[in-house]
Amino acid sequence: MPQPVDRSADTLAKKPPSTPAYRRQAHISTIGARAFLLEAPGDFDLPAQRRIWALARALRHWDDLGEIVPGMTNLLAIFKTTPEDPDAVTARLLDAWERAESIDIRGKTIEIGVHYGGEHAIDLAELCNRSGLSAREVVRLHYEGTYTVFALGSAPGFGYLHGLDPRIHMPRKTVPSLNMASGCVTIGGMQTGVAVLTGPNGWNSIGFADLQMFDPTADVPAIMAPGDTVRFLPERIEL
């Protein structure tokens, strides 16, 4: 009687190996007639961001660019005039991405004292419900992290911080808080940050920091810059 044949090894042998993220092609889309958004392939991680920083540095030499806006594993290139051949621009950007070598921006270290819990921690209970962790565990995981400023945006001086423990990732709210205070320490998805403006905010607040993130009268208005390292210090915990 014929025996069943195990073809799993053949299947594995024929299956093409997955392509590493750094070898995949970036995705480019247009925003209006003059702006092109390049999104890095792969995960939202530091290696991808380092290549975005390298690409931004390379594009500074393009005379036809009016503005370069590095984001979180993406980059917006805004041309001075509407390109006659958008496909040629896309090919040019993809070529620049392929040539970009990872760079590591060695920024300063910023320590931010935080009052965890209390009146400003309006979303801490929901984060506990979602994660299954106690409030004290959530707070500990947050302040034990070491964070890298990937980019500035959303509001003047607001830093998008990478390095949040996956156990306390929390989706942004479907209905934003209408009047979240400036200084609230927040979590949005896999990122954390400090609110710089008082007003509507879809991130989840777990505490408050007195340090002013943005001062328009200062020589360097924004405290944070891409490549900086951020540590949160638990000055007070009120749970």
C-alpha atoms as a PDB file:
ATOM      1  CA  MET A   1       0.000   0.000   0.000  1.00  0.00           C
ATOM      2  CA  PRO A   2       1.511   3.354  -0.978  1.00  0.00           C
ATOM      3  CA  GLN A   3       2.537   5.550   1.911  1.00  0.00           C
ATOM      4  CA  PRO A   4       1.620   9.257   2.081  1.00  0.00           C
ATOM      5  CA  VAL A   5       4.416  11.491   0.898  1.00  0.00           C
ATOM      6  CA  ASP A   6       5.474  14.438   3.049  1.00  0.00           C
ATOM      7  CA  ARG A   7       5.980  17.314   0.591  1.00  0.00           C
ATOM      8  CA  SER A   8       6.386  20.010   3.231  1.00  0.00           C
ATOM      9  CA  ALA A   9      10.120  20.215   2.564  1.00  0.00           C
ATOM     10  CA  ASP A  10       9.477  20.627  -1.175  1.00  0.00           C
ATOM     11  CA  THR A  11       6.933  23.353  -0.454  1.00  0.00           C
ATOM     12  CA  LEU A  12       9.378  25.193   1.755  1.00  0.00           C
ATOM     13  CA  ALA A  13      12.108  24.839  -0.835  1.00  0.00           C
ATOM     14  CA  LYS A  14       9.920  26.319  -3.570  1.00  0.00           C
ATOM     15  CA  LYS A  15       8.630  29.174  -1.434  1.00  0.00           C
ATOM     16  CA  PRO A  16      10.598  32.339  -2.207  1.00  0.00           C
ATOM     17  CA  PRO A  17      12.365  33.771   0.823  1.00  0.00           C
ATOM     18  CA  SER A  18      10.894  36.906   2.308  1.00  0.00           C
ATOM     19  CA  THR A  19      12.602  40.088   1.240  1.00  0.00           C
ATOM     20  CA  PRO A  20      14.302  42.002   4.068  1.00  0.00           C
ATOM     21  CA  ALA A  21      12.690  45.358   4.737  1.00  0.00           C
ATOM     22  CA  TYR A  22      15.796  47.303   3.771  1.00  0.00           C
ATOM     23  CA  ARG A  23      15.665  45.763   0.265  1.00  0.00           C
ATOM     24  CA  ARG A  24      11.986  46.436  -0.378  1.00  0.00           C
ATOM     25  CA  GLN A  25      10.968  49.384  -2.474  1.00  0.00           C
ATOM     26  CA  ALA A  26       9.658  52.473  -0.749  1.00  0.00           C
ATOM     27  CA  HIS A  27       6.137  53.659  -1.552  1.00  0.00           C
ATOM     28  CA  ILE A  28       5.647  57.117  -3.069  1.00  0.00           C
ATOM     29  CA  SER A  29       2.374  59.001  -3.353  1.00  0.00           C
ATOM     30  CA  THR A  30       1.568  62.550  -4.427  1.00  0.00           C
ATOM     31  CA  ILE A  31      -0.038  65.208  -2.276  1.00  0.00           C
ATOM     32  CA  GLY A  32      -1.250  67.930  -4.579  1.00  0.00           C
ATOM     33  CA  ALA A  33       0.860  68.817  -7.615  1.00  0.00           C
ATOM     34  CA  ARG A  34       4.207  69.653  -5.987  1.00  0.00           C
ATOM     35  CA  ALA A  35       4.514  67.354  -2.968  1.00  0.00           C
ATOM     36  CA  PHE A  36       5.680  63.718  -2.960  1.00  0.00           C
ATOM     37  CA  LEU A  37       5.462  61.495   0.126  1.00  0.00           C
ATOM     38  CA  LEU A  38       7.981  58.664   0.417  1.00  0.00           C
ATOM     39  CA  GLU A  39       7.112  55.958   2.967  1.00  0.00           C
ATOM     40  CA  ALA A  40       9.810  53.559   4.086  1.00  0.00           C
ATOM     41  CA  PRO A  41       9.092  49.830   3.738  1.00  0.00           C
ATOM     42  CA  GLY A  42       9.018  47.503   6.709  1.00  0.00           C
ATOM     43  CA  ASP A  43       8.301  48.265  10.323  1.00  0.00           C
ATOM     44  CA  PHE A  44       8.062  51.522  12.206  1.00  0.00           C
ATOM     45  CA  ASP A  45      11.533  51.194  13.684  1.00  0.00           C
ATOM     46  CA  LEU A  46      14.842  52.946  14.187  1.00  0.00           C
ATOM     47  CA  PRO A  47      16.657  51.401  11.157  1.00  0.00           C
ATOM     48  CA  ALA A  48      13.946  52.748   8.836  1.00  0.00           C
ATOM     49  CA  GLN A  49      14.107  56.160  10.496  1.00  0.00           C
ATOM     50  CA  ARG A  50      17.874  56.305  10.139  1.00  0.00           C
ATOM     51  CA  ARG A  51      17.508  55.869   6.379  1.00  0.00           C
ATOM     52  CA  ILE A  52      14.874  58.626   6.321  1.00  0.00           C
ATOM     53  CA  TRP A  53      17.381  60.911   8.061  1.00  0.00           C
ATOM     54  CA  ALA A  54      20.001  59.945   5.466  1.00  0.00           C
ATOM     55  CA  LEU A  55      17.574  60.625   2.617  1.00  0.00           C
ATOM     56  CA  ALA A  56      16.704  64.042   4.057  1.00  0.00           C
ATOM     57  CA  ARG A  57      20.388  64.925   4.157  1.00  0.00           C
ATOM     58  CA  ALA A  58      20.872  63.838   0.534  1.00  0.00           C
ATOM     59  CA  LEU A  59      17.854  65.794  -0.731  1.00  0.00           C
ATOM     60  CA  ARG A  60      19.205  69.051   0.694  1.00  0.00           C
ATOM     61  CA  HIS A  61      21.406  69.236  -2.407  1.00  0.00           C
ATOM     62  CA  TRP A  62      18.433  69.248  -4.792  1.00  0.00           C
ATOM     63  CA  ASP A  63      18.052  72.820  -6.003  1.00  0.00           C
ATOM     64  CA  ASP A  64      14.484  72.286  -7.214  1.00  0.00           C
ATOM     65  CA  LEU A  65      13.175  71.340  -3.768  1.00  0.00           C
ATOM     66  CA  GLY A  66      11.475  74.044  -1.719  1.00  0.00           C
ATOM     67  CA  GLU A  67      10.993  72.099   1.503  1.00  0.00           C
ATOM     68  CA  ILE A  68      11.920  68.718   2.999  1.00  0.00           C
ATOM     69  CA  VAL A  69       9.815  67.416   5.899  1.00  0.00           C
ATOM     70  CA  PRO A  70      11.087  64.189   7.525  1.00  0.00           C
ATOM     71  CA  GLY A  71       8.326  62.358   9.387  1.00  0.00           C
ATOM     72  CA  MET A  72       8.038  59.023  11.187  1.00  0.00           C
ATOM     73  CA  THR A  73       9.592  56.581   8.694  1.00  0.00           C
ATOM     74  CA  ASN A  74       8.430  58.848   5.866  1.00  0.00           C
ATOM     75  CA  LEU A  75       9.545  62.016   4.127  1.00  0.00           C
ATOM     76  CA  LEU A  76       7.624  64.754   2.330  1.00  0.00           C
ATOM     77  CA  ALA A  77       9.460  66.433  -0.561  1.00  0.00           C
ATOM     78  CA  ILE A  78       7.875  69.692  -1.739  1.00  0.00           C
ATOM     79  CA  PHE A  79       9.127  71.083  -5.035  1.00  0.00           C
ATOM     80  CA  LYS A  80       9.391  74.790  -5.816  1.00  0.00           C
ATOM     81  CA  THR A  81       7.372  74.400  -9.004  1.00  0.00           C
ATOM     82  CA  THR A  82       5.059  71.704 -10.355  1.00  0.00           C
ATOM     83  CA  PRO A  83       7.212  68.985 -11.965  1.00  0.00           C
ATOM     84  CA  GLU A  84       6.539  68.439 -15.654  1.00  0.00           C
ATOM     85  CA  ASP A  85       7.087  64.669 -15.340  1.00  0.00           C
ATOM     86  CA  PRO A  86       5.829  63.243 -11.994  1.00  0.00           C
ATOM     87  CA  ASP A  87       6.935  59.732 -12.965  1.00  0.00           C
ATOM     88  CA  ALA A  88      10.486  60.961 -13.414  1.00  0.00           C
ATOM     89  CA  VAL A  89      10.353  62.575  -9.965  1.00  0.00           C
ATOM     90  CA  THR A  90       9.124  59.307  -8.450  1.00  0.00           C
ATOM     91  CA  ALA A  91      11.971  57.397 -10.098  1.00  0.00           C
ATOM     92  CA  ARG A  92      14.461  59.994  -8.900  1.00  0.00           C
ATOM     93  CA  LEU A  93      13.219  59.764  -5.317  1.00  0.00           C
ATOM     94  CA  LEU A  94      13.295  55.972  -5.365  1.00  0.00           C
ATOM     95  CA  ASP A  95      16.856  56.055  -6.644  1.00  0.00           C
ATOM     96  CA  ALA A  96      17.828  58.462  -3.859  1.00  0.00           C
ATOM     97  CA  TRP A  97      16.190  56.125  -1.327  1.00  0.00           C
ATOM     98  CA  GLU A  98      18.139  53.139  -2.666  1.00  0.00           C
ATOM     99  CA  ARG A  99      21.379  55.096  -2.398  1.00  0.00           C
ATOM    100  CA  ALA A 100      20.658  56.466   1.098  1.00  0.00           C
ATOM    101  CA  GLU A 101      22.794  54.838   3.751  1.00  0.00           C
ATOM    102  CA  SER A 102      21.657  54.669   7.333  1.00  0.00           C
ATOM    103  CA  ILE A 103      22.944  57.441   9.571  1.00  0.00           C
ATOM    104  CA  ASP A 104      22.661  57.784  13.325  1.00  0.00           C
ATOM    105  CA  ILE A 105      21.984  61.283  14.603  1.00  0.00           C
ATOM    106  CA  ARG A 106      23.680  61.658  17.963  1.00  0.00           C
ATOM    107  CA  GLY A 107      21.489  64.174  19.733  1.00  0.00           C
ATOM    108  CA  LYS A 108      21.334  65.363  23.301  1.00  0.00           C
ATOM    109  CA  THR A 109      19.665  63.581  26.222  1.00  0.00           C
ATOM    110  CA  ILE A 110      16.546  65.229  27.646  1.00  0.00           C
ATOM    111  CA  GLU A 111      15.152  64.328  31.063  1.00  0.00           C
ATOM    112  CA  ILE A 112      11.512  65.186  31.687  1.00  0.00           C
ATOM    113  CA  GLY A 113      10.046  65.084  35.184  1.00  0.00           C
ATOM    114  CA  VAL A 114       6.503  63.690  35.223  1.00  0.00           C
ATOM    115  CA  HIS A 115       3.622  63.707  37.686  1.00  0.00           C
ATOM    116  CA  TYR A 116       2.054  60.339  36.851  1.00  0.00           C
ATOM    117  CA  GLY A 117      -1.600  59.887  37.679  1.00  0.00           C
ATOM    118  CA  GLY A 118      -3.631  62.699  39.201  1.00  0.00           C
ATOM    119  CA  GLU A 119      -6.130  64.929  37.461  1.00  0.00           C
ATOM    120  CA  HIS A 120      -4.384  64.895  34.079  1.00  0.00           C
ATOM    121  CA  ALA A 121      -4.185  61.092  33.788  1.00  0.00           C
ATOM    122  CA  ILE A 122      -7.644  60.928  32.255  1.00  0.00           C
ATOM    123  CA  ASP A 123      -6.911  57.822  30.155  1.00  0.00           C
ATOM    124  CA  LEU A 124      -4.824  55.766  32.570  1.00  0.00           C
ATOM    125  CA  ALA A 125      -7.754  53.608  33.701  1.00  0.00           C
ATOM    126  CA  GLU A 126      -8.711  52.720  30.134  1.00  0.00           C
ATOM    127  CA  LEU A 127      -5.108  51.861  29.318  1.00  0.00           C
ATOM    128  CA  CYS A 128      -5.074  49.513  32.328  1.00  0.00           C
ATOM    129  CA  ASN A 129      -8.300  47.872  31.162  1.00  0.00           C
ATOM    130  CA  ARG A 130      -6.895  47.321  27.690  1.00  0.00           C
ATOM    131  CA  SER A 131      -3.464  46.065  28.752  1.00  0.00           C
ATOM    132  CA  GLY A 132      -4.518  44.056  31.798  1.00  0.00           C
ATOM    133  CA  LEU A 133      -1.800  45.828  33.807  1.00  0.00           C
ATOM    134  CA  SER A 134      -2.122  47.792  37.006  1.00  0.00           C
ATOM    135  CA  ALA A 135      -1.725  51.559  36.943  1.00  0.00           C
ATOM    136  CA  ARG A 136       1.580  51.214  38.768  1.00  0.00           C
ATOM    137  CA  GLU A 137       2.855  48.722  36.168  1.00  0.00           C
ATOM    138  CA  VAL A 138       1.836  51.012  33.297  1.00  0.00           C
ATOM    139  CA  VAL A 139       3.622  53.942  34.881  1.00  0.00           C
ATOM    140  CA  ARG A 140       6.746  51.891  35.568  1.00  0.00           C
ATOM    141  CA  LEU A 141       6.937  50.600  32.000  1.00  0.00           C
ATOM    142  CA  HIS A 142       6.584  54.145  30.716  1.00  0.00           C
ATOM    143  CA  TYR A 143       9.307  55.769  32.811  1.00  0.00           C
ATOM    144  CA  GLU A 144      11.727  52.842  32.447  1.00  0.00           C
ATOM    145  CA  GLY A 145      11.770  53.310  28.669  1.00  0.00           C
ATOM    146  CA  THR A 146      14.467  55.095  26.697  1.00  0.00           C
ATOM    147  CA  TYR A 147      13.004  57.017  23.777  1.00  0.00           C
ATOM    148  CA  THR A 148      14.338  58.416  20.510  1.00  0.00           C
ATOM    149  CA  VAL A 149      12.870  61.532  18.899  1.00  0.00           C
ATOM    150  CA  PHE A 150      11.975  60.387  15.394  1.00  0.00           C
ATOM    151  CA  ALA A 151      10.491  63.648  14.143  1.00  0.00           C
ATOM    152  CA  LEU A 152       8.810  66.902  15.121  1.00  0.00           C
ATOM    153  CA  GLY A 153       5.330  67.737  13.931  1.00  0.00           C
ATOM    154  CA  SER A 154       1.602  67.944  14.655  1.00  0.00           C
ATOM    155  CA  ALA A 155       2.240  71.094  16.723  1.00  0.00           C
ATOM    156  CA  PRO A 156       5.313  73.334  17.159  1.00  0.00           C
ATOM    157  CA  GLY A 157       7.914  71.441  19.182  1.00  0.00           C
ATOM    158  CA  PHE A 158       5.925  68.214  19.538  1.00  0.00           C
ATOM    159  CA  GLY A 159       8.269  65.232  19.387  1.00  0.00           C
ATOM    160  CA  TYR A 160       7.174  61.802  18.204  1.00  0.00           C
ATOM    161  CA  LEU A 161       9.003  59.409  20.523  1.00  0.00           C
ATOM    162  CA  HIS A 162       9.876  55.833  19.595  1.00  0.00           C
ATOM    163  CA  GLY A 163      10.697  53.150  22.152  1.00  0.00           C
ATOM    164  CA  LEU A 164       7.421  52.589  23.986  1.00  0.00           C
ATOM    165  CA  ASP A 165       7.047  49.145  25.560  1.00  0.00           C
ATOM    166  CA  PRO A 166       4.583  47.131  23.388  1.00  0.00           C
ATOM    167  CA  ARG A 167       2.635  46.153  26.491  1.00  0.00           C
ATOM    168  CA  ILE A 168       1.363  49.725  26.851  1.00  0.00           C
ATOM    169  CA  HIS A 169       0.643  50.531  23.218  1.00  0.00           C
ATOM    170  CA  MET A 170      -2.756  52.209  23.088  1.00  0.00           C
ATOM    171  CA  PRO A 171      -4.724  53.241  19.971  1.00  0.00           C
ATOM    172  CA  ARG A 172      -5.588  56.881  19.558  1.00  0.00           C
ATOM    173  CA  LYS A 173      -9.092  57.804  20.617  1.00  0.00           C
ATOM    174  CA  THR A 174     -11.909  57.691  18.107  1.00  0.00           C
ATOM    175  CA  VAL A 175     -13.352  60.757  19.873  1.00  0.00           C
ATOM    176  CA  PRO A 176     -10.602  63.209  20.939  1.00  0.00           C
ATOM    177  CA  SER A 177     -10.519  64.951  24.284  1.00  0.00           C
ATOM    178  CA  LEU A 178     -11.694  68.482  23.546  1.00  0.00           C
ATOM    179  CA  ASN A 179      -9.490  70.403  25.959  1.00  0.00           C
ATOM    180  CA  MET A 180      -6.396  68.403  26.917  1.00  0.00           C
ATOM    181  CA  ALA A 181      -3.853  70.553  28.736  1.00  0.00           C
ATOM    182  CA  SER A 182      -0.452  71.448  27.392  1.00  0.00           C
ATOM    183  CA  GLY A 183       2.076  69.328  29.265  1.00  0.00           C
ATOM    184  CA  CYS A 184       0.029  66.136  29.333  1.00  0.00           C
ATOM    185  CA  VAL A 185       2.212  63.055  28.869  1.00  0.00           C
ATOM    186  CA  THR A 186       0.457  60.948  26.286  1.00  0.00           C
ATOM    187  CA  ILE A 187       0.450  57.648  24.406  1.00  0.00           C
ATOM    188  CA  GLY A 188      -0.775  57.338  20.826  1.00  0.00           C
ATOM    189  CA  GLY A 189      -0.464  53.901  19.257  1.00  0.00           C
ATOM    190  CA  MET A 190       3.159  52.770  19.628  1.00  0.00           C
ATOM    191  CA  GLN A 191       4.439  56.281  20.381  1.00  0.00           C
ATOM    192  CA  THR A 192       4.540  58.592  23.344  1.00  0.00           C
ATOM    193  CA  GLY A 193       4.945  62.360  23.646  1.00  0.00           C
ATOM    194  CA  VAL A 194       4.200  65.526  25.585  1.00  0.00           C
ATOM    195  CA  ALA A 195       1.349  67.781  24.452  1.00  0.00           C
ATOM    196  CA  VAL A 196       2.584  71.265  23.572  1.00  0.00           C
ATOM    197  CA  LEU A 197      -0.791  72.946  23.045  1.00  0.00           C
ATOM    198  CA  THR A 198      -4.007  73.000  25.043  1.00  0.00           C
ATOM    199  CA  GLY A 199      -6.930  71.846  22.940  1.00  0.00           C
ATOM    200  CA  PRO A 200      -8.388  68.800  21.137  1.00  0.00           C
ATOM    201  CA  ASN A 201      -6.140  65.753  21.387  1.00  0.00           C
ATOM    202  CA  GLY A 202      -6.686  62.127  20.389  1.00  0.00           C
ATOM    203  CA  TRP A 203      -3.778  60.695  22.376  1.00  0.00           C
ATOM    204  CA  ASN A 204      -4.161  59.057  25.809  1.00  0.00           C
ATOM    205  CA  SER A 205      -2.973  61.036  28.822  1.00  0.00           C
ATOM    206  CA  ILE A 206      -1.296  59.276  31.750  1.00  0.00           C
ATOM    207  CA  GLY A 207       0.387  62.180  33.529  1.00  0.00           C
ATOM    208  CA  PHE A 208       1.721  65.718  33.351  1.00  0.00           C
ATOM    209  CA  ALA A 209       5.096  67.424  32.792  1.00  0.00           C
ATOM    210  CA  ASP A 210       5.892  71.028  33.754  1.00  0.00           C
ATOM    211  CA  LEU A 211       8.781  71.359  31.296  1.00  0.00           C
ATOM    212  CA  GLN A 212       7.872  73.699  28.437  1.00  0.00           C
ATOM    213  CA  MET A 213       8.475  71.902  25.148  1.00  0.00           C
ATOM    214  CA  PHE A 214       8.337  74.970  22.908  1.00  0.00           C
ATOM    215  CA  ASP A 215       9.306  78.604  23.560  1.00  0.00           C
ATOM    216  CA  PRO A 216       8.916  80.870  20.503  1.00  0.00           C
ATOM    217  CA  THR A 217      11.105  83.547  22.137  1.00  0.00           C
ATOM    218  CA  ALA A 218      14.100  81.233  22.647  1.00  0.00           C
ATOM    219  CA  ASP A 219      17.058  81.027  20.243  1.00  0.00           C
ATOM    220  CA  VAL A 220      16.118  77.359  19.731  1.00  0.00           C
ATOM    221  CA  PRO A 221      12.337  77.304  20.277  1.00  0.00           C
ATOM    222  CA  ALA A 222      11.866  73.523  20.394  1.00  0.00           C
ATOM    223  CA  ILE A 223      13.540  71.567  23.176  1.00  0.00           C
ATOM    224  CA  MET A 224      13.479  68.330  21.178  1.00  0.00           C
ATOM    225  CA  ALA A 225      15.173  67.603  17.871  1.00  0.00           C
ATOM    226  CA  PRO A 226      15.340  64.442  15.743  1.00  0.00           C
ATOM    227  CA  GLY A 227      17.893  62.013  17.145  1.00  0.00           C
ATOM    228  CA  ASP A 228      17.582  63.226  20.732  1.00  0.00           C
ATOM    229  CA  THR A 229      17.172  60.710  23.553  1.00  0.00           C
ATOM    230  CA  VAL A 230      14.351  61.255  26.058  1.00  0.00           C
ATOM    231  CA  ARG A 231      13.960  59.815  29.543  1.00  0.00           C
ATOM    232  CA  PHE A 232      10.922  60.375  31.760  1.00  0.00           C
ATOM    233  CA  LEU A 233      11.583  60.773  35.483  1.00  0.00           C
ATOM    234  CA  PRO A 234       8.785  59.922  37.963  1.00  0.00           C
ATOM    235  CA  GLU A 235       8.820  63.026  40.152  1.00  0.00           C
ATOM    236  CA  ARG A 236       5.468  62.128  41.659  1.00  0.00           C
ATOM    237  CA  ILE A 237       3.105  59.162  41.326  1.00  0.00           C
ATOM    238  CA  GLU A 238      -0.508  59.688  42.384  1.00  0.00           C
ATOM    239  CA  LEU A 239      -2.571  56.534  41.811  1.00  0.00           C
END
